[in-house]
Protein backbone atom coordinates (compact mmCIF):
# COMPACT_ATOMS: atom_id res chain seq x y z
CA MET A 1 70.36 79.47 -43.06
CA THR A 2 66.16 79.29 -42.05
CA CYS A 3 64.61 76.94 -43.53
CA GLU A 4 60.84 78.01 -44.22
CA THR A 5 58.13 75.24 -45.22
CA ALA A 6 54.75 75.90 -46.95
CA GLN A 7 52.75 75.53 -43.97
CA ASP A 8 55.02 77.93 -42.03
CA ARG A 9 53.76 80.94 -44.37
CA SER A 10 50.59 80.04 -45.21
CA SER A 11 49.32 83.06 -43.17
CA GLY A 12 50.69 85.26 -46.07
CA ALA A 13 47.38 87.91 -45.48
CA ARG A 14 49.99 90.39 -44.68
CA MET A 15 52.81 89.24 -46.57
CA ARG A 16 53.63 90.54 -49.84
CA ARG A 17 54.64 88.03 -52.90
CA PRO A 18 58.46 88.08 -53.59
CA ARG A 19 59.11 89.28 -56.91
CA PRO A 20 61.72 87.44 -59.08
CA ASN A 21 65.28 88.51 -57.95
CA ASP A 22 63.52 90.24 -55.06
CA PRO A 23 66.90 90.44 -52.78
CA THR A 24 65.13 91.44 -49.72
CA PRO A 25 64.93 87.81 -47.25
CA ILE A 26 61.68 86.54 -46.77
CA ASP A 27 61.61 87.18 -42.75
CA ASP A 28 62.17 91.20 -43.60
CA ARG A 29 59.03 90.99 -45.42
CA LEU A 30 57.04 90.09 -42.30
CA ASP A 31 55.31 93.00 -40.47
CA PRO A 32 57.92 94.02 -38.25
CA ALA A 33 55.22 95.57 -35.73
CA ALA A 34 53.56 92.55 -35.90
CA THR A 35 54.29 89.86 -32.50
CA LYS A 36 55.83 86.56 -34.26
CA ILE A 37 54.06 83.59 -32.74
CA VAL A 38 54.75 79.58 -33.21
CA LEU A 39 51.76 77.35 -32.49
CA ALA A 40 52.50 73.82 -31.22
CA ASP A 41 49.73 71.68 -30.63
CA ASP A 42 48.91 68.06 -32.16
CA HIS A 43 45.90 68.82 -33.67
CA ARG A 44 45.95 70.59 -37.20
CA LEU A 45 42.22 71.85 -36.76
CA VAL A 46 43.36 73.09 -33.00
CA ARG A 47 46.21 75.10 -34.74
CA SER A 48 43.82 77.11 -37.67
CA ALA A 49 41.46 78.08 -34.97
CA LEU A 50 44.10 79.34 -32.75
CA ARG A 51 45.68 81.14 -35.87
CA THR A 52 42.26 82.71 -36.62
CA VAL A 53 42.14 84.02 -33.05
CA LEU A 54 45.34 84.99 -32.84
CA GLU A 55 45.54 87.24 -36.10
CA ALA A 56 42.24 88.37 -36.08
CA GLU A 57 43.06 91.94 -34.63
CA GLY A 58 46.18 91.97 -37.03
CA GLU A 59 48.60 92.44 -34.37
CA ASN A 60 50.08 88.96 -34.16
CA GLU A 61 51.67 87.14 -37.24
CA VAL A 62 51.88 83.14 -36.80
CA VAL A 63 55.48 82.64 -37.85
CA ALA A 64 54.96 78.66 -37.95
CA GLU A 65 53.16 75.89 -36.48
CA ALA A 66 54.61 72.47 -34.70
CA GLY A 67 52.93 69.12 -34.05
CA ASP A 68 55.14 67.73 -31.73
CA VAL A 69 58.33 68.41 -29.14
CA GLY A 70 60.75 67.75 -31.29
CA GLU A 71 59.28 69.97 -34.29
CA THR A 72 58.47 72.74 -31.52
CA LEU A 73 61.97 73.05 -30.40
CA ARG A 74 63.31 72.84 -34.24
CA LYS A 75 60.71 75.92 -35.10
CA VAL A 76 61.78 77.72 -32.14
CA ARG A 77 65.31 77.61 -32.63
CA ALA A 78 64.88 78.21 -36.64
CA HIS A 79 62.36 81.55 -35.75
CA ARG A 80 63.14 82.78 -32.47
CA PRO A 81 59.58 84.25 -31.87
CA ASP A 82 58.30 86.72 -29.53
CA VAL A 83 55.72 84.14 -28.17
CA LEU A 84 55.25 80.15 -28.13
CA VAL A 85 51.93 78.90 -27.58
CA LEU A 86 52.25 75.15 -26.17
CA ASP A 87 50.25 72.55 -25.56
CA LEU A 88 51.25 70.22 -22.79
CA ASN A 89 49.82 67.10 -24.35
CA MET A 90 52.18 66.22 -27.68
CA PRO A 91 53.77 63.32 -28.96
CA GLY A 92 57.50 63.48 -28.61
CA GLY A 93 58.11 64.25 -24.78
CA SER A 94 56.15 66.21 -22.28
CA GLY A 95 55.30 69.78 -22.79
CA LEU A 96 56.47 70.55 -19.30
CA ASP A 97 59.70 68.65 -19.61
CA ALA A 98 60.41 70.98 -23.01
CA ILE A 99 59.68 74.40 -21.42
CA PRO A 100 63.20 74.96 -19.78
CA GLN A 101 65.01 73.92 -23.37
CA ILE A 102 62.64 76.12 -24.94
CA VAL A 103 63.89 79.42 -22.75
CA GLN A 104 67.31 78.18 -23.52
CA VAL A 105 67.25 77.93 -26.83
CA SER A 106 65.40 81.26 -27.46
CA PRO A 107 65.85 83.38 -24.15
CA SER A 108 63.45 86.22 -25.78
CA THR A 109 60.80 83.91 -26.38
CA SER A 110 57.62 83.67 -24.04
CA VAL A 111 55.74 80.59 -23.34
CA VAL A 112 52.06 80.64 -23.08
CA VAL A 113 50.58 77.38 -22.29
CA LEU A 114 47.58 76.51 -23.31
CA THR A 115 46.02 73.04 -22.33
CA MET A 116 43.43 71.29 -21.45
CA GLU A 117 45.19 70.03 -18.06
CA GLU A 118 42.71 71.75 -15.09
CA GLY A 119 44.76 70.42 -12.22
CA ALA A 120 46.91 73.48 -10.07
CA GLU A 121 50.01 71.27 -10.34
CA PHE A 122 50.05 71.68 -13.83
CA ALA A 123 50.34 75.42 -13.68
CA TYR A 124 52.57 75.27 -10.72
CA ALA A 125 54.83 73.01 -13.05
CA ALA A 126 54.72 75.05 -16.44
CA LEU A 127 55.19 78.47 -14.17
CA ARG A 128 57.95 77.21 -12.54
CA SER A 129 59.43 75.87 -15.59
CA GLY A 130 59.51 78.80 -17.07
CA ALA A 131 56.28 79.54 -18.99
CA ARG A 132 55.11 83.32 -19.28
CA ALA A 133 50.99 82.50 -18.90
CA PHE A 134 48.94 79.16 -18.02
CA VAL A 135 45.23 79.38 -20.23
CA LEU A 136 42.83 76.74 -20.04
CA LYS A 137 41.77 75.32 -23.77
CA GLU A 138 38.31 75.91 -23.29
CA ALA A 139 38.79 79.75 -22.53
CA ALA A 140 40.85 80.35 -25.26
CA ASP A 141 38.67 82.71 -27.35
CA ALA A 142 38.07 84.81 -23.99
CA GLU A 143 41.89 84.78 -22.73
CA LEU A 144 44.29 83.84 -24.99
CA LEU A 145 45.05 87.19 -26.81
CA ASP A 146 45.26 88.86 -23.47
CA ALA A 147 47.66 86.21 -22.35
CA VAL A 148 49.85 86.76 -25.53
CA GLN A 149 49.49 90.69 -25.02
CA ALA A 150 50.99 90.28 -21.17
CA ALA A 151 53.36 87.83 -22.09
CA VAL A 152 54.80 90.42 -24.66
CA ASN A 153 54.85 93.01 -21.76
CA GLY A 154 57.24 90.70 -19.90
CA HIS A 155 53.92 90.05 -17.45
CA GLY A 156 52.23 86.79 -16.05
CA TYR A 157 48.97 85.56 -16.98
CA LEU A 158 46.95 82.62 -15.11
CA ASN A 159 43.46 81.71 -15.83
CA PRO A 160 41.16 83.51 -13.47
CA GLU A 161 39.22 80.43 -12.68
CA LEU A 162 42.37 78.66 -11.80
CA GLY A 163 44.05 81.20 -10.34
CA ALA A 164 40.93 81.57 -7.42
CA ARG A 165 41.42 77.64 -6.94
CA ILE A 166 44.58 77.50 -6.52
CA ALA A 167 44.51 80.54 -4.33
CA ALA A 168 41.30 78.47 -2.03
CA GLU A 169 43.74 75.48 -1.97
CA PRO A 170 45.25 74.80 1.50
CA ALA A 171 49.41 74.63 1.57
CA PRO A 172 50.64 71.14 0.65
CA ASP A 173 51.29 68.86 3.68
CA GLY A 174 53.82 66.56 1.98
CA TRP A 175 51.38 64.13 0.84
CA PRO A 176 51.05 63.03 -1.98
CA PRO A 177 54.40 63.89 -2.16
CA ASP A 178 55.94 65.80 -5.28
CA GLY A 179 52.84 67.37 -5.82
CA LEU A 180 51.39 64.00 -7.54
CA THR A 181 47.17 64.04 -7.84
CA GLU A 182 45.06 61.22 -6.77
CA ARG A 183 44.71 60.29 -10.05
CA GLN A 184 48.76 60.54 -10.93
CA LEU A 185 48.94 58.06 -7.55
CA GLU A 186 46.69 55.33 -9.23
CA VAL A 187 48.51 55.41 -12.32
CA LEU A 188 51.91 55.33 -10.66
CA GLU A 189 50.69 52.26 -8.50
CA LEU A 190 49.53 50.70 -11.44
CA LEU A 191 52.64 51.22 -13.70
CA VAL A 192 54.82 50.02 -10.79
CA SER A 193 52.54 46.62 -10.96
CA GLY A 194 53.60 46.20 -14.26
CA ARG A 195 50.74 46.91 -16.33
CA THR A 196 50.91 48.34 -19.45
CA ASN A 197 49.40 51.77 -20.85
CA SER A 198 46.40 50.06 -22.46
CA GLN A 199 45.97 47.82 -19.10
CA ILE A 200 45.75 50.86 -16.91
CA GLY A 201 43.63 52.69 -19.56
CA ASP A 202 40.60 50.08 -19.05
CA GLU A 203 41.32 49.70 -15.54
CA LEU A 204 40.64 53.42 -14.65
CA GLY A 205 38.19 53.99 -17.57
CA ILE A 206 40.40 56.52 -19.54
CA SER A 207 42.27 56.74 -22.54
CA GLU A 208 45.43 54.94 -23.14
CA ARG A 209 46.79 58.85 -24.48
CA THR A 210 45.30 60.08 -21.10
CA VAL A 211 47.64 57.30 -19.40
CA GLU A 212 50.63 58.70 -21.48
CA SER A 213 50.18 61.77 -20.38
CA HIS A 214 49.69 61.00 -16.73
CA ARG A 215 52.94 59.24 -17.04
CA SER A 216 54.66 61.83 -18.37
CA HIS A 217 53.81 64.33 -15.90
CA ILE A 218 54.46 61.74 -13.18
CA GLN A 219 58.30 61.10 -14.70
CA HIS A 220 58.55 65.27 -14.77
CA LYS A 221 57.63 65.33 -11.04
CA VAL A 222 59.42 62.36 -9.63
CA GLY A 223 62.57 62.81 -11.56
CA GLN A 224 62.68 59.42 -12.73
CA LYS A 225 62.14 58.34 -16.63
CA SER A 226 62.59 54.14 -16.08
CA ARG A 227 59.97 52.00 -14.80
CA ALA A 228 62.65 50.66 -12.29
CA GLY A 229 63.07 54.35 -11.27
CA LEU A 230 59.38 54.54 -10.60
CA VAL A 231 59.42 51.70 -8.50
CA ALA A 232 62.18 52.50 -6.22
CA TYR A 233 60.71 55.97 -5.97
CA ALA A 234 57.33 54.30 -5.05
CA ARG A 235 58.89 52.44 -2.70
CA GLU A 236 60.80 54.72 -0.86
CA HIS A 237 57.57 56.94 -0.59
CA GLY A 238 55.43 54.24 0.77
CA ILE A 239 53.01 54.31 -2.57
CA VAL A 240 53.75 50.55 -2.46
CA ASP A 241 54.91 48.11 -0.18
CA TYR A 242 56.41 45.47 -2.29
């Protein structure tokens, strides 16, 4: 039995209020013609803004929200939405790592990645992992609705600027290995040297949360979760020589 929260149904502008002894299931009161969407982002204000954008034209209905990776998986399993709008950087794990799990839990759900990560490698990784669309947050107002519509229709969508950048880039020549960016190589070198996320952030002039995001993406790309595994990987690929 699906459990609903007040937050999940706070969008009830188009949902009639249940009457006493009303036998109609809650989900059946939703507009059957609307595209059902789960929003996953760890910032409540961002989710609120995205809900406004998505529901403005009345063709979409946000049925649930999630603020971390674990909650995202639970909400997708409970609601089986048509679309999941997914931020890559959330507490509880890597959004990239979660995409295959989401697709497995609900194969009919199209994943639309909405992120601040502008690197081509993130788009490659997300689309290879099973995402249908990749949109940059800075272009959400202009592109998110198009990306959702494309995903619902079984088509892909890639931010045009990012797509042009990808097309213009030369094919990888094997270095850096596994598509690691120069920044990720810097973070990896410091990680295997024993520095903490806080120390790495101070040394590179970035936030600790950004370091955590880089670390998560590095682990996803190289297939190593532990520090010992990362050290072995860095030695094997000549990233460090100690």
